[in-house]
Amino acid sequence: MNRNSSYIFSVVLCCMIIGSATLSYGKNRPDNEIAEIREEISLLNLLRGLYLSADQINQLSVLAGKAQEIRDSEQDEVQKNRELIISALSDLRNTLYLAPGSEEAAQKKAGKLEKVVKDIKGENMDSLAALEDQAAAILSDAQLSIVEDFKPCLIPPKDLKNPVRVGQAGNDGILIKTAELIFLTPENLWKTRGDKFLSKILQKIEEEAGEMTASGKEDLKTRLKKISEQIRSLNKVDFELQKSSLAKELLIINPKKAMKHGHRKTGKILQFLLSDTACSVLSKWKECADKIPQFSHSESEECPSYEEAASLVESANKKDDFQNMGENLIKQLTRLHKKRSGNSSLPQINEFLAPVQKHLQQSDRAALITTVLDRLKLLASVKCDPDLQKVCVNVLRRMAQATKFPLLNPVQDPFGLNEELSALKDDPSPDTACSGLLQMAESISGFLNTKN
């Protein structure tokens, strides 16, 4: 071992053992009261959105208690070796002040202790993962989806406050949405951008499961392509029947079952519902849920009783949004038509707007947007200008929203369309921009037609 590598090894080893030796679950830190209160608030926000039954709370309380025992046992085992660890680290530290080579014996001694600590942690990780599996079996698919999506917060997002969400979350899972997006993507868009979408899925798998080798990535991509081809080959009826099973096939590597240093990884159920905080909070939450029916549901209830009322309110809001959108588009089309009114190739304004007004009265969002796209093509055939460029961008965003997929979401951007849209929006040439925007709109419009 040369001088540099010996030094690096020693430093890394010190860091690993120090990290293991100073395990803390937050109970003995004098400055941790704020963090503990924050953690409890965050957990209570999650519990408010889960609508657990009394039986679920009882079972989770038992499992949280077992998880706490495992963590306490791990801490006790580490504390037993505390003096040995400090002695070994001190020896290793002191030898690093001496000539190169003096540290080798101390490294071996510290390495053995580091392995002891790592084995203790690994065995306990497997035990905690097994408890997490039991907890997952207690929860419904909808509740599991909410836990997986949950991020610690002082003020919960609106959808977590909404009791209807617990009845919908399981059906709106990311795997189902991914399968639907693969199935409904128009053929021309899939041919040109399907590989980009699959690469993003692969990247997400790697983020969740850990770094993969080049051959491993290629193998996974081949399997993803095979599953995607299977999905896209189905007609609508067969896809609806097989959607759930096909979606599960997309989970080629389950990050919850992935290994870390030869041991099971744990996830958000352990982090939130089986934490030390949960161990103390769940018993209090059961008393609270017994007194306040809105925080729980009986075993016979699919979801809270006011779901229908919430659904009606949501539907009314959507109708108002659609009406406003349609009226706004008509104003924009009228303004653009007026600027080109002297051209004989354009129909008169009443005839030009009639199809748009018809679909607005029928509350047909897909037909309205498709018709607006046709009107824009007519306007572009006469003249492209910055105003038309802006309206094309607006209509593209409306079209993407109507598909109910994150086609132009700057974070997800499954096909890279948002990146292209941003470039076209700022293109100094209206002719180039409008041509590209209308082509993109044509690709997206395929999502608005029902697949047979």
Protein backbone atom coordinates (compact mmCIF):
# COMPACT_ATOMS: atom_id res chain seq x y z
CA MET A 1 0.00 0.00 0.00
CA ASN A 2 1.60 3.31 -1.05
CA ARG A 3 1.71 6.40 1.16
CA ASN A 4 -1.27 8.22 -0.36
CA SER A 5 -3.58 5.22 -0.49
CA SER A 6 -2.65 4.28 3.08
CA TYR A 7 -3.53 7.77 4.26
CA ILE A 8 -6.85 7.86 2.37
CA PHE A 9 -7.82 4.42 3.70
CA SER A 10 -7.13 5.55 7.26
CA VAL A 11 -9.21 8.71 6.94
CA VAL A 12 -12.15 6.88 5.36
CA LEU A 13 -12.01 4.16 8.01
CA CYS A 14 -12.06 6.77 10.78
CA CYS A 15 -15.10 8.44 9.25
CA MET A 16 -16.99 5.16 8.92
CA ILE A 17 -16.39 4.05 12.50
CA ILE A 18 -17.02 7.47 13.97
CA GLY A 19 -20.34 7.57 12.09
CA SER A 20 -21.27 4.15 13.45
CA ALA A 21 -20.02 4.81 16.95
CA THR A 22 -22.01 8.01 17.37
CA LEU A 23 -25.39 6.54 16.48
CA SER A 24 -28.19 8.69 17.83
CA TYR A 25 -31.91 8.43 17.53
CA GLY A 26 -32.45 11.94 18.73
CA LYS A 27 -33.41 11.13 22.34
CA ASN A 28 -30.18 12.19 24.09
CA ARG A 29 -29.35 15.40 22.24
CA PRO A 30 -30.03 18.43 24.45
CA ASP A 31 -30.63 20.71 21.42
CA ASN A 32 -33.02 18.39 19.62
CA GLU A 33 -36.38 19.46 21.08
CA ILE A 34 -37.27 21.58 18.04
CA ALA A 35 -36.44 18.73 15.65
CA GLU A 36 -38.58 16.31 17.68
CA ILE A 37 -41.58 18.66 17.67
CA ARG A 38 -41.20 19.17 13.91
CA GLU A 39 -41.06 15.40 13.37
CA GLU A 40 -44.23 14.90 15.42
CA ILE A 41 -46.08 17.65 13.49
CA SER A 42 -45.02 16.08 10.21
CA LEU A 43 -46.20 12.64 11.29
CA LEU A 44 -49.56 14.04 12.47
CA ASN A 45 -50.03 15.67 9.05
CA LEU A 46 -49.47 12.28 7.43
CA LEU A 47 -51.86 10.51 9.83
CA ARG A 48 -54.55 13.09 9.06
CA GLY A 49 -54.31 12.14 5.40
CA LEU A 50 -54.29 8.36 5.86
CA TYR A 51 -57.68 7.84 7.57
CA LEU A 52 -56.49 4.74 9.41
CA SER A 53 -59.01 2.43 11.00
CA ALA A 54 -58.76 1.63 14.72
CA ASP A 55 -57.46 -1.85 13.88
CA GLN A 56 -54.78 -0.44 11.57
CA ILE A 57 -53.62 1.98 14.27
CA ASN A 58 -53.41 -0.85 16.82
CA GLN A 59 -51.36 -3.07 14.50
CA LEU A 60 -49.02 -0.26 13.52
CA SER A 61 -48.51 0.64 17.20
CA VAL A 62 -47.34 -2.90 17.93
CA LEU A 63 -44.94 -2.89 14.98
CA ALA A 64 -43.61 0.56 15.89
CA GLY A 65 -42.86 -0.75 19.39
CA LYS A 66 -40.93 -3.69 17.94
CA ALA A 67 -38.99 -1.36 15.65
CA GLN A 68 -38.04 0.81 18.61
CA GLU A 69 -36.80 -2.26 20.50
CA ILE A 70 -34.57 -3.20 17.55
CA ARG A 71 -33.11 0.31 17.32
CA ASP A 72 -32.54 0.46 21.09
CA SER A 73 -30.84 -2.94 20.97
CA GLU A 74 -28.55 -1.74 18.17
CA GLN A 75 -27.60 1.33 20.15
CA ASP A 76 -26.90 -0.80 23.22
CA GLU A 77 -24.64 -3.12 21.21
CA VAL A 78 -22.68 -0.18 19.85
CA GLN A 79 -22.36 1.33 23.34
CA LYS A 80 -20.92 -1.97 24.62
CA ASN A 81 -18.06 -1.56 22.17
CA ARG A 82 -17.71 2.17 22.76
CA GLU A 83 -14.48 2.03 24.81
CA LEU A 84 -12.86 -0.39 22.35
CA ILE A 85 -13.88 1.82 19.41
CA ILE A 86 -12.50 4.97 21.06
CA SER A 87 -9.25 3.18 21.90
CA ALA A 88 -8.87 1.82 18.35
CA LEU A 89 -9.63 5.19 16.78
CA SER A 90 -7.23 6.97 19.10
CA ASP A 91 -4.45 4.53 18.23
CA LEU A 92 -5.14 4.94 14.53
CA ARG A 93 -5.21 8.72 14.84
CA ASN A 94 -1.91 8.78 16.72
CA THR A 95 -0.15 6.57 14.18
CA LEU A 96 -1.11 8.98 11.40
CA TYR A 97 1.31 11.48 12.97
CA LEU A 98 4.14 8.95 12.52
CA ALA A 99 6.06 7.76 9.49
CA PRO A 100 4.08 5.99 6.73
CA GLY A 101 3.63 2.30 7.55
CA SER A 102 3.28 2.87 11.28
CA GLU A 103 -0.51 2.83 10.99
CA GLU A 104 -0.97 -0.64 9.47
CA ALA A 105 -1.54 -2.56 12.74
CA ALA A 106 -3.94 0.10 14.00
CA GLN A 107 -5.83 -0.05 10.71
CA LYS A 108 -6.37 -3.80 11.05
CA LYS A 109 -7.61 -3.45 14.62
CA ALA A 110 -10.00 -0.61 13.71
CA GLY A 111 -11.15 -2.50 10.63
CA LYS A 112 -12.22 -5.50 12.72
CA LEU A 113 -14.27 -3.30 15.02
CA GLU A 114 -15.80 -1.50 12.06
CA LYS A 115 -16.95 -4.87 10.69
CA VAL A 116 -18.56 -5.74 14.03
CA VAL A 117 -20.53 -2.48 14.02
CA LYS A 118 -21.51 -2.91 10.34
CA ASP A 119 -22.73 -6.48 10.97
CA ILE A 120 -24.88 -5.31 13.88
CA LYS A 121 -26.40 -2.55 11.74
CA GLY A 122 -26.94 -4.90 8.78
CA GLU A 123 -28.74 -7.57 10.80
CA ASN A 124 -30.97 -4.96 12.39
CA MET A 125 -31.67 -3.42 8.98
CA ASP A 126 -32.98 -6.81 7.79
CA SER A 127 -35.17 -7.09 10.88
CA LEU A 128 -36.57 -3.58 10.40
CA ALA A 129 -37.23 -4.27 6.72
CA ALA A 130 -39.24 -7.35 7.71
CA LEU A 131 -41.35 -5.21 10.08
CA GLU A 132 -41.85 -2.71 7.26
CA ASP A 133 -43.20 -5.52 5.05
CA GLN A 134 -45.72 -6.39 7.78
CA ALA A 135 -46.78 -2.75 8.06
CA ALA A 136 -47.21 -2.50 4.28
CA ALA A 137 -49.59 -5.47 4.39
CA ILE A 138 -51.77 -3.59 6.90
CA LEU A 139 -52.25 -0.55 4.65
CA SER A 140 -54.43 -0.27 1.55
CA ASP A 141 -52.91 0.48 -1.86
CA ALA A 142 -54.19 4.06 -1.60
CA GLN A 143 -52.64 4.55 1.83
CA LEU A 144 -49.33 3.07 0.65
CA SER A 145 -49.31 5.50 -2.25
CA ILE A 146 -49.82 8.44 0.12
CA VAL A 147 -46.97 7.31 2.39
CA GLU A 148 -44.60 6.87 -0.57
CA ASP A 149 -45.44 10.35 -1.89
CA PHE A 150 -45.26 12.04 1.53
CA LYS A 151 -42.57 14.59 2.34
CA PRO A 152 -42.04 15.92 5.88
CA CYS A 153 -43.91 19.19 6.28
CA LEU A 154 -45.20 21.69 8.83
CA ILE A 155 -48.12 22.64 6.56
CA PRO A 156 -49.50 19.76 4.44
CA PRO A 157 -50.28 20.15 0.72
CA LYS A 158 -53.94 20.57 -0.22
CA ASP A 159 -54.34 17.08 -1.65
CA LEU A 160 -53.20 15.55 1.65
CA LYS A 161 -55.92 17.49 3.48
CA ASN A 162 -58.55 16.23 1.03
CA PRO A 163 -60.21 13.02 2.32
CA VAL A 164 -61.14 12.02 -1.24
CA ARG A 165 -57.44 11.52 -1.99
CA VAL A 166 -57.22 8.39 0.16
CA GLY A 167 -59.84 6.77 -2.08
CA GLN A 168 -58.08 7.79 -5.28
CA ALA A 169 -54.37 7.49 -4.60
CA GLY A 170 -54.07 3.80 -5.38
CA ASN A 171 -55.64 4.23 -8.81
CA ASP A 172 -53.42 7.20 -9.67
CA GLY A 173 -50.12 5.50 -8.82
CA ILE A 174 -47.09 6.42 -10.86
CA LEU A 175 -46.80 2.95 -12.40
CA ILE A 176 -50.39 3.05 -13.68
CA LYS A 177 -49.84 6.55 -15.07
CA THR A 178 -46.62 5.42 -16.74
CA ALA A 179 -48.36 2.45 -18.37
CA GLU A 180 -51.17 4.73 -19.58
CA LEU A 181 -48.68 7.20 -21.02
CA ILE A 182 -46.88 4.42 -22.90
CA PHE A 183 -50.20 3.10 -24.25
CA LEU A 184 -51.69 6.45 -25.30
CA THR A 185 -48.61 8.10 -26.81
CA PRO A 186 -49.27 8.75 -30.53
CA GLU A 187 -47.22 6.55 -32.86
CA ASN A 188 -45.28 9.42 -34.44
CA LEU A 189 -44.26 10.77 -31.03
CA TRP A 190 -43.30 7.32 -29.74
CA LYS A 191 -41.12 6.64 -32.77
CA THR A 192 -39.18 9.87 -32.38
CA ARG A 193 -39.10 10.22 -28.57
CA GLY A 194 -39.98 6.84 -27.06
CA ASP A 195 -36.34 6.00 -26.34
CA LYS A 196 -35.93 9.28 -24.47
CA PHE A 197 -38.92 8.41 -22.28
CA LEU A 198 -37.59 4.90 -21.51
CA SER A 199 -34.19 6.40 -20.66
CA LYS A 200 -35.88 8.65 -18.09
CA ILE A 201 -37.61 5.63 -16.54
CA LEU A 202 -34.26 3.84 -16.42
CA GLN A 203 -32.65 6.86 -14.76
CA LYS A 204 -35.39 6.89 -12.11
CA ILE A 205 -34.91 3.16 -11.45
CA GLU A 206 -31.18 3.73 -10.96
CA GLU A 207 -31.81 6.64 -8.59
CA GLU A 208 -34.07 4.45 -6.45
CA ALA A 209 -32.16 1.15 -6.58
CA GLY A 210 -28.54 2.36 -6.80
CA GLU A 211 -25.92 2.71 -9.50
CA MET A 212 -25.84 -0.04 -12.15
CA THR A 213 -23.20 -1.34 -14.53
CA ALA A 214 -23.36 -0.48 -18.24
CA SER A 215 -24.43 -4.04 -19.10
CA GLY A 216 -27.07 -3.96 -16.36
CA LYS A 217 -28.51 -0.73 -17.76
CA GLU A 218 -28.61 -2.15 -21.27
CA ASP A 219 -30.38 -5.28 -20.06
CA LEU A 220 -32.98 -3.23 -18.18
CA LYS A 221 -33.55 -0.98 -21.19
CA THR A 222 -34.13 -4.04 -23.39
CA ARG A 223 -36.68 -5.37 -20.90
CA LEU A 224 -38.39 -1.97 -20.67
CA LYS A 225 -38.69 -1.86 -24.46
CA LYS A 226 -40.23 -5.34 -24.48
CA ILE A 227 -42.82 -4.40 -21.85
CA SER A 228 -43.57 -1.13 -23.68
CA GLU A 229 -44.11 -2.97 -26.98
CA GLN A 230 -46.47 -5.36 -25.20
CA ILE A 231 -48.45 -2.43 -23.75
CA ARG A 232 -48.66 -0.59 -27.07
CA SER A 233 -49.78 -3.68 -28.97
CA LEU A 234 -53.06 -3.95 -27.02
CA ASN A 235 -56.44 -2.50 -27.91
CA LYS A 236 -58.23 -0.29 -25.39
CA VAL A 237 -60.35 -3.04 -23.81
CA ASP A 238 -57.44 -5.43 -23.31
CA PHE A 239 -55.26 -2.65 -21.92
CA GLU A 240 -57.87 -1.68 -19.33
CA LEU A 241 -58.18 -5.33 -18.27
CA GLN A 242 -54.40 -5.84 -18.00
CA LYS A 243 -53.37 -2.34 -16.91
CA SER A 244 -52.60 -3.14 -13.27
CA SER A 245 -50.50 -6.23 -14.00
CA LEU A 246 -48.64 -4.49 -16.83
CA ALA A 247 -47.91 -1.52 -14.59
CA LYS A 248 -46.36 -3.83 -11.99
CA GLU A 249 -44.11 -5.31 -14.67
CA LEU A 250 -42.61 -1.85 -15.14
CA LEU A 251 -41.22 -2.15 -11.60
CA ILE A 252 -38.33 -4.24 -12.93
CA ILE A 253 -36.28 -3.52 -9.81
CA ASN A 254 -38.26 -2.94 -6.63
CA PRO A 255 -36.21 -0.40 -4.65
CA LYS A 256 -37.91 -1.58 -1.47
CA LYS A 257 -36.37 -5.04 -1.99
CA ALA A 258 -32.97 -3.74 -3.11
CA MET A 259 -29.90 -4.56 -1.05
CA LYS A 260 -27.47 -2.23 0.67
CA HIS A 261 -24.13 -3.83 1.55
CA GLY A 262 -25.82 -7.25 1.39
CA HIS A 263 -28.79 -6.23 3.56
CA ARG A 264 -32.35 -5.06 2.87
CA LYS A 265 -33.03 -1.38 2.33
CA THR A 266 -35.80 0.27 4.31
CA GLY A 267 -38.24 2.91 3.14
CA LYS A 268 -40.77 5.54 4.09
CA ILE A 269 -43.07 3.27 6.11
CA LEU A 270 -40.24 2.67 8.57
CA GLN A 271 -39.18 6.33 8.39
CA PHE A 272 -42.62 7.66 9.31
CA LEU A 273 -45.02 5.02 10.67
CA LEU A 274 -42.50 2.83 12.54
CA SER A 275 -40.23 5.59 13.85
CA ASP A 276 -39.54 6.27 17.52
CA THR A 277 -41.85 9.27 17.18
CA ALA A 278 -44.63 7.06 15.78
CA CYS A 279 -44.23 4.72 18.73
CA SER A 280 -45.30 7.48 21.11
CA VAL A 281 -47.74 9.28 18.78
CA LEU A 282 -49.88 6.37 17.52
CA SER A 283 -51.45 5.62 20.90
CA LYS A 284 -52.41 9.29 21.30
CA TRP A 285 -53.65 9.36 17.70
CA LYS A 286 -56.03 6.45 18.36
CA GLU A 287 -57.65 8.39 21.21
CA CYS A 288 -57.89 11.44 18.94
CA ALA A 289 -59.40 9.43 16.05
CA ASP A 290 -61.98 7.89 18.39
CA LYS A 291 -63.17 11.37 19.35
CA ILE A 292 -62.95 12.98 15.89
CA PRO A 293 -64.55 10.71 13.24
CA GLN A 294 -63.12 12.77 10.32
CA PHE A 295 -59.63 11.38 11.11
CA SER A 296 -60.57 7.73 10.61
CA HIS A 297 -62.93 5.38 8.80
CA SER A 298 -64.69 2.15 9.66
CA GLU A 299 -63.72 -1.07 7.91
CA SER A 300 -66.89 -0.97 5.81
CA GLU A 301 -66.32 2.54 4.50
CA GLU A 302 -64.58 2.93 1.16
CA CYS A 303 -63.75 6.56 1.99
CA PRO A 304 -65.19 9.45 4.02
CA SER A 305 -68.91 10.12 3.67
CA TYR A 306 -68.60 13.54 2.06
CA GLU A 307 -66.66 12.28 -0.98
CA GLU A 308 -69.63 12.85 -3.29
CA ALA A 309 -70.02 16.47 -2.21
CA ALA A 310 -66.30 17.13 -2.70
CA SER A 311 -66.49 15.56 -6.15
CA LEU A 312 -69.39 17.83 -7.16
CA VAL A 313 -67.49 20.93 -6.04
CA GLU A 314 -64.42 19.82 -7.99
CA SER A 315 -66.55 19.20 -11.09
CA ALA A 316 -68.14 22.66 -10.86
CA ASN A 317 -64.72 24.30 -10.56
CA LYS A 318 -63.49 22.45 -13.63
CA LYS A 319 -66.51 23.62 -15.62
CA ASP A 320 -65.81 27.25 -14.70
CA ASP A 321 -62.13 26.85 -15.63
CA PHE A 322 -63.09 25.36 -19.01
CA GLN A 323 -65.51 28.20 -19.77
CA ASN A 324 -62.89 30.82 -18.92
CA MET A 325 -60.28 29.04 -21.01
CA GLY A 326 -62.60 28.83 -24.03
CA GLU A 327 -63.61 32.49 -23.84
CA ASN A 328 -59.98 33.54 -23.52
CA LEU A 329 -58.98 31.50 -26.59
CA ILE A 330 -61.81 33.04 -28.63
CA LYS A 331 -60.58 36.54 -27.72
CA GLN A 332 -57.06 35.66 -28.81
CA LEU A 333 -58.25 34.14 -32.09
CA THR A 334 -60.42 37.20 -32.78
CA ARG A 335 -57.47 39.54 -32.26
CA LEU A 336 -55.20 37.47 -34.53
CA HIS A 337 -57.90 37.22 -37.22
CA LYS A 338 -58.42 40.99 -37.16
CA LYS A 339 -54.73 41.58 -37.88
CA ARG A 340 -55.09 39.40 -41.01
CA SER A 341 -58.63 40.40 -42.02
CA GLY A 342 -57.57 41.77 -45.37
CA ASN A 343 -56.49 38.33 -46.62
CA SER A 344 -59.07 36.59 -48.85
CA SER A 345 -57.91 33.09 -47.88
CA LEU A 346 -59.33 33.53 -44.37
CA PRO A 347 -63.07 32.98 -43.78
CA GLN A 348 -65.10 35.78 -42.21
CA ILE A 349 -64.78 36.09 -38.43
CA ASN A 350 -68.18 34.50 -37.62
CA GLU A 351 -67.47 31.50 -39.82
CA PHE A 352 -63.90 31.32 -38.49
CA LEU A 353 -65.01 31.15 -34.83
CA ALA A 354 -68.18 29.07 -35.25
CA PRO A 355 -66.55 25.61 -34.71
CA VAL A 356 -64.74 26.88 -31.61
CA GLN A 357 -67.93 28.34 -30.11
CA LYS A 358 -69.81 25.12 -30.84
CA HIS A 359 -67.36 22.94 -28.89
CA LEU A 360 -67.27 25.47 -26.07
CA GLN A 361 -71.07 25.23 -25.72
CA GLN A 362 -70.80 21.42 -25.75
CA SER A 363 -68.09 21.55 -23.05
CA ASP A 364 -65.90 19.30 -25.21
CA ARG A 365 -62.36 20.20 -24.14
CA ALA A 366 -60.51 17.91 -26.56
CA ALA A 367 -62.58 18.98 -29.57
CA LEU A 368 -62.26 22.65 -28.60
CA ILE A 369 -58.47 22.55 -28.40
CA THR A 370 -58.13 20.52 -31.62
CA THR A 371 -60.34 23.05 -33.43
CA VAL A 372 -58.33 25.96 -32.05
CA LEU A 373 -55.21 24.26 -33.40
CA ASP A 374 -56.81 24.12 -36.87
CA ARG A 375 -57.64 27.86 -36.63
CA LEU A 376 -54.02 28.62 -35.73
CA LYS A 377 -52.78 26.72 -38.77
CA LEU A 378 -55.02 28.87 -40.97
CA LEU A 379 -53.67 32.03 -39.37
CA ALA A 380 -50.07 30.83 -39.75
CA SER A 381 -50.62 30.16 -43.46
CA VAL A 382 -51.31 33.88 -43.85
CA LYS A 383 -48.69 35.34 -41.51
CA CYS A 384 -46.52 34.32 -38.55
CA ASP A 385 -45.76 37.02 -36.00
CA PRO A 386 -44.76 37.24 -32.30
CA ASP A 387 -48.44 37.40 -31.22
CA LEU A 388 -49.24 34.14 -33.02
CA GLN A 389 -46.09 32.65 -31.51
CA LYS A 390 -47.33 33.48 -27.98
CA VAL A 391 -50.81 32.08 -28.63
CA CYS A 392 -49.32 28.84 -30.01
CA VAL A 393 -47.34 28.43 -26.78
CA ASN A 394 -50.50 29.07 -24.75
CA VAL A 395 -52.53 26.52 -26.75
CA LEU A 396 -49.76 23.95 -26.45
CA ARG A 397 -49.86 24.25 -22.69
CA ARG A 398 -53.66 23.94 -22.73
CA MET A 399 -53.39 20.82 -24.87
CA ALA A 400 -50.84 19.27 -22.51
CA GLN A 401 -53.11 19.98 -19.52
CA ALA A 402 -56.05 18.36 -21.33
CA THR A 403 -54.09 15.11 -21.77
CA LYS A 404 -53.75 14.84 -17.94
CA PHE A 405 -50.11 13.80 -18.41
CA PRO A 406 -47.03 15.88 -17.39
CA LEU A 407 -45.99 16.32 -21.03
CA LEU A 408 -44.68 19.85 -20.46
CA ASN A 409 -43.72 19.52 -16.81
CA PRO A 410 -40.24 21.07 -16.49
CA VAL A 411 -39.17 18.48 -13.92
CA GLN A 412 -40.58 15.27 -15.41
CA ASP A 413 -40.64 16.25 -19.12
CA PRO A 414 -40.94 12.60 -20.26
CA PHE A 415 -40.35 13.24 -23.96
CA GLY A 416 -38.18 16.36 -23.77
CA LEU A 417 -41.05 18.49 -25.13
CA ASN A 418 -40.81 21.18 -22.48
CA GLU A 419 -37.15 21.76 -23.29
CA GLU A 420 -38.04 22.19 -26.96
CA LEU A 421 -41.02 24.41 -26.13
CA SER A 422 -38.79 26.75 -24.11
CA ALA A 423 -36.43 27.12 -27.06
CA LEU A 424 -39.24 27.78 -29.56
CA LYS A 425 -40.94 30.25 -27.23
CA ASP A 426 -37.80 32.40 -27.26
CA ASP A 427 -36.92 31.86 -30.93
CA PRO A 428 -36.43 35.28 -32.59
CA SER A 429 -37.89 34.01 -35.87
CA PRO A 430 -41.73 33.80 -35.69
CA ASP A 431 -41.80 31.66 -38.85
CA THR A 432 -39.44 29.05 -37.40
CA ALA A 433 -41.08 29.18 -33.98
CA CYS A 434 -44.68 28.87 -35.20
CA SER A 435 -43.78 26.01 -37.53
CA GLY A 436 -42.11 24.08 -34.71
CA LEU A 437 -44.85 24.85 -32.18
CA LEU A 438 -47.61 23.72 -34.53
CA GLN A 439 -45.74 20.50 -35.30
CA MET A 440 -45.38 19.85 -31.59
CA ALA A 441 -49.08 20.60 -31.09
CA GLU A 442 -49.91 18.11 -33.83
CA SER A 443 -47.95 15.42 -31.95
CA ILE A 444 -49.68 16.18 -28.65
CA SER A 445 -53.14 16.31 -30.27
CA GLY A 446 -52.93 12.56 -30.75
CA PHE A 447 -53.36 12.16 -26.99
CA LEU A 448 -56.79 13.79 -27.22
CA ASN A 449 -58.15 11.06 -29.49
CA THR A 450 -59.38 7.82 -27.95
CA LYS A 451 -57.21 4.81 -28.83
CA ASN A 452 -59.18 1.83 -30.20
